[in-house]
C-alpha atoms as a PDB file:
ATOM      1  CA  MET A   1      14.594  16.155  -3.782  1.00  0.00           C
ATOM      2  CA  SER A   2      16.445  18.232  -6.371  1.00  0.00           C
ATOM      3  CA  MET A   3      15.195  18.419  -9.952  1.00  0.00           C
ATOM      4  CA  ALA A   4      18.132  16.338 -11.262  1.00  0.00           C
ATOM      5  CA  ASN A   5      17.530  13.648  -8.667  1.00  0.00           C
ATOM      6  CA  LEU A   6      13.797  13.697  -9.359  1.00  0.00           C
ATOM      7  CA  ALA A   7      14.368  13.218 -13.089  1.00  0.00           C
ATOM      8  CA  MET A   8      16.716  10.307 -12.424  1.00  0.00           C
ATOM      9  CA  ALA A   9      14.277   8.759  -9.946  1.00  0.00           C
ATOM     10  CA  GLN A  10      11.382   9.041 -12.404  1.00  0.00           C
ATOM     11  CA  GLN A  11      13.430   7.132 -14.948  1.00  0.00           C
ATOM     12  CA  HIS A  12      14.993   4.442 -12.752  1.00  0.00           C
ATOM     13  CA  ILE A  13      12.509   3.629  -9.995  1.00  0.00           C
ATOM     14  CA  PRO A  14       9.829   2.113 -12.289  1.00  0.00           C
ATOM     15  CA  LEU A  15      12.549   0.153 -14.102  1.00  0.00           C
ATOM     16  CA  VAL A  16      13.890  -1.356 -10.877  1.00  0.00           C
ATOM     17  CA  PHE A  17      10.466  -1.954  -9.327  1.00  0.00           C
ATOM     18  CA  ALA A  18       9.330  -3.897 -12.407  1.00  0.00           C
ATOM     19  CA  ARG A  19      11.993  -6.512 -11.673  1.00  0.00           C
ATOM     20  CA  LEU A  20      11.223  -6.988  -7.978  1.00  0.00           C
ATOM     21  CA  ASP A  21       8.601  -9.242  -6.438  1.00  0.00           C
ATOM     22  CA  GLU A  22       5.827  -7.731  -4.310  1.00  0.00           C
ATOM     23  CA  GLN A  23       7.679  -8.038  -0.983  1.00  0.00           C
ATOM     24  CA  GLN A  24      10.885  -6.577  -2.359  1.00  0.00           C
ATOM     25  CA  ARG A  25       8.989  -3.653  -3.930  1.00  0.00           C
ATOM     26  CA  ARG A  26       7.352  -2.912  -0.575  1.00  0.00           C
ATOM     27  CA  TRP A  27      10.651  -3.073   1.324  1.00  0.00           C
ATOM     28  CA  VAL A  28      12.574  -0.911  -1.152  1.00  0.00           C
ATOM     29  CA  ALA A  29       9.715   1.598  -1.210  1.00  0.00           C
ATOM     30  CA  GLY A  30       9.747   1.708   2.596  1.00  0.00           C
ATOM     31  CA  LEU A  31      13.506   2.233   2.625  1.00  0.00           C
ATOM     32  CA  LEU A  32      13.352   5.048   0.067  1.00  0.00           C
ATOM     33  CA  SER A  33      10.517   6.631   2.011  1.00  0.00           C
ATOM     34  CA  GLU A  34      12.607   6.549   5.202  1.00  0.00           C
ATOM     35  CA  LEU A  35      15.552   8.145   3.399  1.00  0.00           C
ATOM     36  CA  LEU A  36      13.429  10.975   2.004  1.00  0.00           C
ATOM     37  CA  GLY A  37      11.885  11.764   5.387  1.00  0.00           C
ATOM     38  CA  ARG A  38       8.771  13.912   5.638  1.00  0.00           C
ATOM     39  CA  GLY A  39       6.559  13.447   2.590  1.00  0.00           C
ATOM     40  CA  GLY A  40       8.650  10.506   1.412  1.00  0.00           C
ATOM     41  CA  THR A  41       5.758   8.066   1.456  1.00  0.00           C
ATOM     42  CA  LYS A  42       3.746  10.146  -0.990  1.00  0.00           C
ATOM     43  CA  GLN A  43       6.745  10.824  -3.245  1.00  0.00           C
ATOM     44  CA  VAL A  44       7.771   7.174  -3.452  1.00  0.00           C
ATOM     45  CA  ALA A  45       4.196   6.018  -4.014  1.00  0.00           C
ATOM     46  CA  GLU A  46       3.798   8.436  -6.920  1.00  0.00           C
ATOM     47  CA  LEU A  47       7.176   7.570  -8.481  1.00  0.00           C
ATOM     48  CA  ALA A  48       6.708   3.810  -8.135  1.00  0.00           C
ATOM     49  CA  GLY A  49       3.023   3.789  -9.034  1.00  0.00           C
ATOM     50  CA  ILE A  50       2.019   1.966  -5.848  1.00  0.00           C
ATOM     51  CA  ASP A  51      -0.419   2.732  -3.054  1.00  0.00           C
ATOM     52  CA  PRO A  52       0.892   4.822  -0.122  1.00  0.00           C
ATOM     53  CA  LYS A  53      -0.392   2.095   2.241  1.00  0.00           C
ATOM     54  CA  THR A  54       2.035  -0.312   0.584  1.00  0.00           C
ATOM     55  CA  VAL A  55       4.918   2.082   1.234  1.00  0.00           C
ATOM     56  CA  ARG A  56       3.833   2.474   4.872  1.00  0.00           C
ATOM     57  CA  GLN A  57       3.679  -1.308   5.280  1.00  0.00           C
ATOM     58  CA  GLY A  58       7.209  -1.510   3.894  1.00  0.00           C
ATOM     59  CA  ARG A  59       8.361   0.955   6.554  1.00  0.00           C
ATOM     60  CA  ILE A  60       6.621  -1.127   9.229  1.00  0.00           C
ATOM     61  CA  ASP A  61       8.244  -4.326   7.920  1.00  0.00           C
ATOM     62  CA  LEU A  62      11.680  -2.711   8.055  1.00  0.00           C
ATOM     63  CA  THR A  63      11.049  -1.381  11.577  1.00  0.00           C
ATOM     64  CA  ARG A  64      10.221  -4.935  12.652  1.00  0.00           C
ATOM     65  CA  GLU A  65      13.436  -6.085  10.914  1.00  0.00           C
ATOM     66  CA  LEU A  66      11.533  -8.399   8.560  1.00  0.00           C
ATOM     67  CA  ASN A  67      11.065 -10.919  11.387  1.00  0.00           C
ATOM     68  CA  GLU A  68       7.675 -12.018  10.041  1.00  0.00           C
ATOM     69  CA  TYR A  69       9.211 -12.965   6.686  1.00  0.00           C
ATOM     70  CA  PRO A  70      11.500 -16.008   6.935  1.00  0.00           C
ATOM     71  CA  ASP A  71      14.083 -16.389   4.191  1.00  0.00           C
ATOM     72  CA  ASP A  72      12.687 -19.638   2.779  1.00  0.00           C
ATOM     73  CA  GLY A  73      12.307 -18.492  -0.823  1.00  0.00           C
ATOM     74  CA  ARG A  74       8.551 -17.953  -0.598  1.00  0.00           C
ATOM     75  CA  VAL A  75       7.001 -14.674  -1.685  1.00  0.00           C
ATOM     76  CA  ARG A  76       3.813 -15.190   0.307  1.00  0.00           C
ATOM     77  CA  ARG A  77       3.420 -16.605   3.756  1.00  0.00           C
ATOM     78  CA  PRO A  78       2.005 -20.137   4.100  1.00  0.00           C
ATOM     79  CA  GLY A  79      -1.700 -20.482   4.724  1.00  0.00           C
ATOM     80  CA  GLY A  80      -2.847 -17.759   2.402  1.00  0.00           C
ATOM     81  CA  GLY A  81      -4.823 -18.182  -0.746  1.00  0.00           C
ATOM     82  CA  ARG A  82      -7.701 -20.287  -1.823  1.00  0.00           C
ATOM     83  CA  PRO A  83      -8.538 -23.466   0.105  1.00  0.00           C
ATOM     84  CA  SER A  84      -7.871 -26.679  -1.791  1.00  0.00           C
ATOM     85  CA  ILE A  85     -10.847 -28.541  -3.267  1.00  0.00           C
ATOM     86  CA  LYS A  86     -11.593 -31.720  -1.355  1.00  0.00           C
ATOM     87  CA  LYS A  87     -13.711 -34.522  -2.795  1.00  0.00           C
ATOM     88  CA  LYS A  88     -16.683 -35.606  -0.779  1.00  0.00           C
ATOM     89  CA  SER A  89     -16.856 -39.385  -0.378  1.00  0.00           C
END
């Protein structure tokens, strides 16, 4: 990446990533990593302030064409999270 592009990326990537939800951040990071090629995962992770594993997962998601993420408006898949509290009778 040239110095001019790097300076622009350092300014704009955190700004854009702050407005995306966690899935979108991962997917955009994966896409940018793919575009940069070798070493892209590390560069994007450093610029975006996210873990390289997150960038790699974004690349995997894109390779699988986001099939595991239906477009139903949810950020997280159903079934995750804390179990609901049930009263004992």
